[in-house]
């Protein structure tokens, strides 16, 4: 069962408020056949826990790994995944589509 956007965003907020390092990944574009639609979310914490889905398989693992770097350096990034001969052994989409995923840090509410 895939969690709802409300569950995923509430979890991101709760984890950030609890002091965890958190990143949110969002599908921002798709071409052709893609496992998850635009707007799909995956929240990841600094320990590698996650909730939601942006694709599946190797792509999801690559997004979780990249999210760790986003948490560490605080810089958002856009990732692109698809099928290409030179990347056959890397994360890709066997369905022949392509996706772009935006990964951004989530910060807890600052108090003054």
Protein backbone atom coordinates (compact mmCIF):
# COMPACT_ATOMS: atom_id res chain seq x y z
CA UNK A 1 0.00 0.00 0.00
CA UNK A 2 1.33 3.42 -0.95
CA UNK A 3 0.88 6.15 1.63
CA UNK A 4 -1.16 9.23 0.79
CA UNK A 5 0.43 12.62 0.17
CA UNK A 6 -1.06 13.77 3.48
CA UNK A 7 0.68 10.91 5.34
CA UNK A 8 3.99 11.58 3.63
CA UNK A 9 3.97 15.35 4.19
CA UNK A 10 2.80 14.96 7.81
CA UNK A 11 5.63 12.48 8.38
CA UNK A 12 8.17 14.89 6.86
CA UNK A 13 6.96 17.62 9.20
CA UNK A 14 6.95 15.35 12.26
CA UNK A 15 10.45 14.00 11.55
CA UNK A 16 11.83 17.52 11.03
CA UNK A 17 10.18 18.80 14.23
CA UNK A 18 11.73 15.86 16.08
CA UNK A 19 15.16 17.07 15.00
CA UNK A 20 15.86 14.50 12.32
CA UNK A 21 17.58 15.45 9.08
CA UNK A 22 14.86 15.14 6.43
CA UNK A 23 14.60 15.39 2.65
CA UNK A 24 11.51 15.34 0.44
CA UNK A 25 11.65 13.90 -3.07
CA UNK A 26 8.92 14.84 -5.56
CA UNK A 27 8.31 13.61 -9.12
CA UNK A 28 8.29 16.83 -11.15
CA UNK A 29 8.19 15.49 -14.74
CA UNK A 30 7.53 12.23 -16.54
CA UNK A 31 7.90 11.15 -20.17
CA UNK A 32 6.45 7.98 -21.62
CA UNK A 33 5.70 5.17 -19.22
CA UNK A 34 6.52 6.03 -15.60
CA UNK A 35 5.66 4.04 -12.46
CA UNK A 36 4.47 7.06 -10.42
CA UNK A 37 2.74 10.27 -11.57
CA UNK A 38 3.92 13.86 -11.25
CA UNK A 39 3.45 15.01 -7.66
CA UNK A 40 4.33 11.66 -6.06
CA UNK A 41 6.42 12.05 -2.89
CA UNK A 42 9.05 10.16 -0.92
CA UNK A 43 10.26 11.43 2.46
CA UNK A 44 13.66 10.27 3.73
CA UNK A 45 15.42 10.85 7.06
CA UNK A 46 19.12 10.97 7.89
CA UNK A 47 19.04 7.32 9.07
CA UNK A 48 17.68 6.05 5.74
CA UNK A 49 14.09 5.58 6.90
CA UNK A 50 11.58 6.51 4.20
CA UNK A 51 7.87 6.67 3.41
CA UNK A 52 6.15 7.01 0.05
CA UNK A 53 7.31 6.29 -3.48
CA UNK A 54 8.64 8.13 -6.52
CA UNK A 55 9.34 5.10 -8.71
CA UNK A 56 10.50 1.80 -7.28
CA UNK A 57 13.43 -0.57 -7.47
CA UNK A 58 16.87 0.85 -8.23
CA UNK A 59 15.54 4.36 -8.84
CA UNK A 60 14.07 4.56 -5.36
CA UNK A 61 17.37 3.38 -3.87
CA UNK A 62 19.27 6.02 -5.83
CA UNK A 63 16.86 8.73 -4.64
CA UNK A 64 17.26 7.63 -1.00
CA UNK A 65 21.05 7.72 -1.39
CA UNK A 66 20.99 11.17 -3.00
CA UNK A 67 18.60 12.40 -0.28
CA UNK A 68 21.30 11.61 2.28
CA UNK A 69 23.58 14.04 0.49
CA UNK A 70 20.83 16.69 0.32
CA UNK A 71 20.36 16.34 4.08
CA UNK A 72 24.11 16.60 4.65
CA UNK A 73 24.80 19.65 2.47
CA UNK A 74 21.38 21.35 2.49
CA UNK A 75 21.41 21.85 -1.28
CA UNK A 76 18.39 20.70 -3.31
CA UNK A 77 18.94 18.91 -6.60
CA UNK A 78 17.04 17.56 -9.56
CA UNK A 79 17.65 13.95 -10.59
CA UNK A 80 16.74 12.38 -13.93
CA UNK A 81 16.28 8.67 -14.55
CA UNK A 82 15.63 6.76 -17.77
CA UNK A 83 16.86 3.89 -19.88
CA UNK A 84 20.06 4.36 -21.85
CA UNK A 85 22.66 1.85 -23.02
CA UNK A 86 25.48 3.55 -21.11
CA UNK A 87 23.47 3.43 -17.88
CA UNK A 88 22.08 -0.08 -18.23
CA UNK A 89 23.71 -1.18 -14.99
CA UNK A 90 22.75 1.96 -13.06
CA UNK A 91 19.37 3.08 -11.82
CA UNK A 92 16.93 3.31 -14.70
CA UNK A 93 13.39 2.70 -15.77
CA UNK A 94 12.89 -0.63 -17.46
CA UNK A 95 9.48 0.57 -18.66
CA UNK A 96 11.19 2.85 -21.19
CA UNK A 97 10.03 6.10 -19.61
CA UNK A 98 11.95 8.90 -17.94
CA UNK A 99 11.31 10.81 -14.75
CA UNK A 100 12.69 13.90 -13.04
CA UNK A 101 12.72 13.98 -9.26
CA UNK A 102 13.36 17.11 -7.20
CA UNK A 103 14.98 16.39 -3.82
CA UNK A 104 14.96 19.16 -1.21
CA UNK A 105 15.83 19.44 2.48
CA UNK A 106 13.00 19.83 4.98
CA UNK A 107 13.74 21.96 7.98
CA UNK A 108 11.91 21.96 11.31
CA UNK A 109 10.11 25.11 12.31
CA UNK A 110 12.59 27.67 13.62
CA UNK A 111 11.82 29.17 17.01
CA UNK A 112 12.87 32.69 18.04
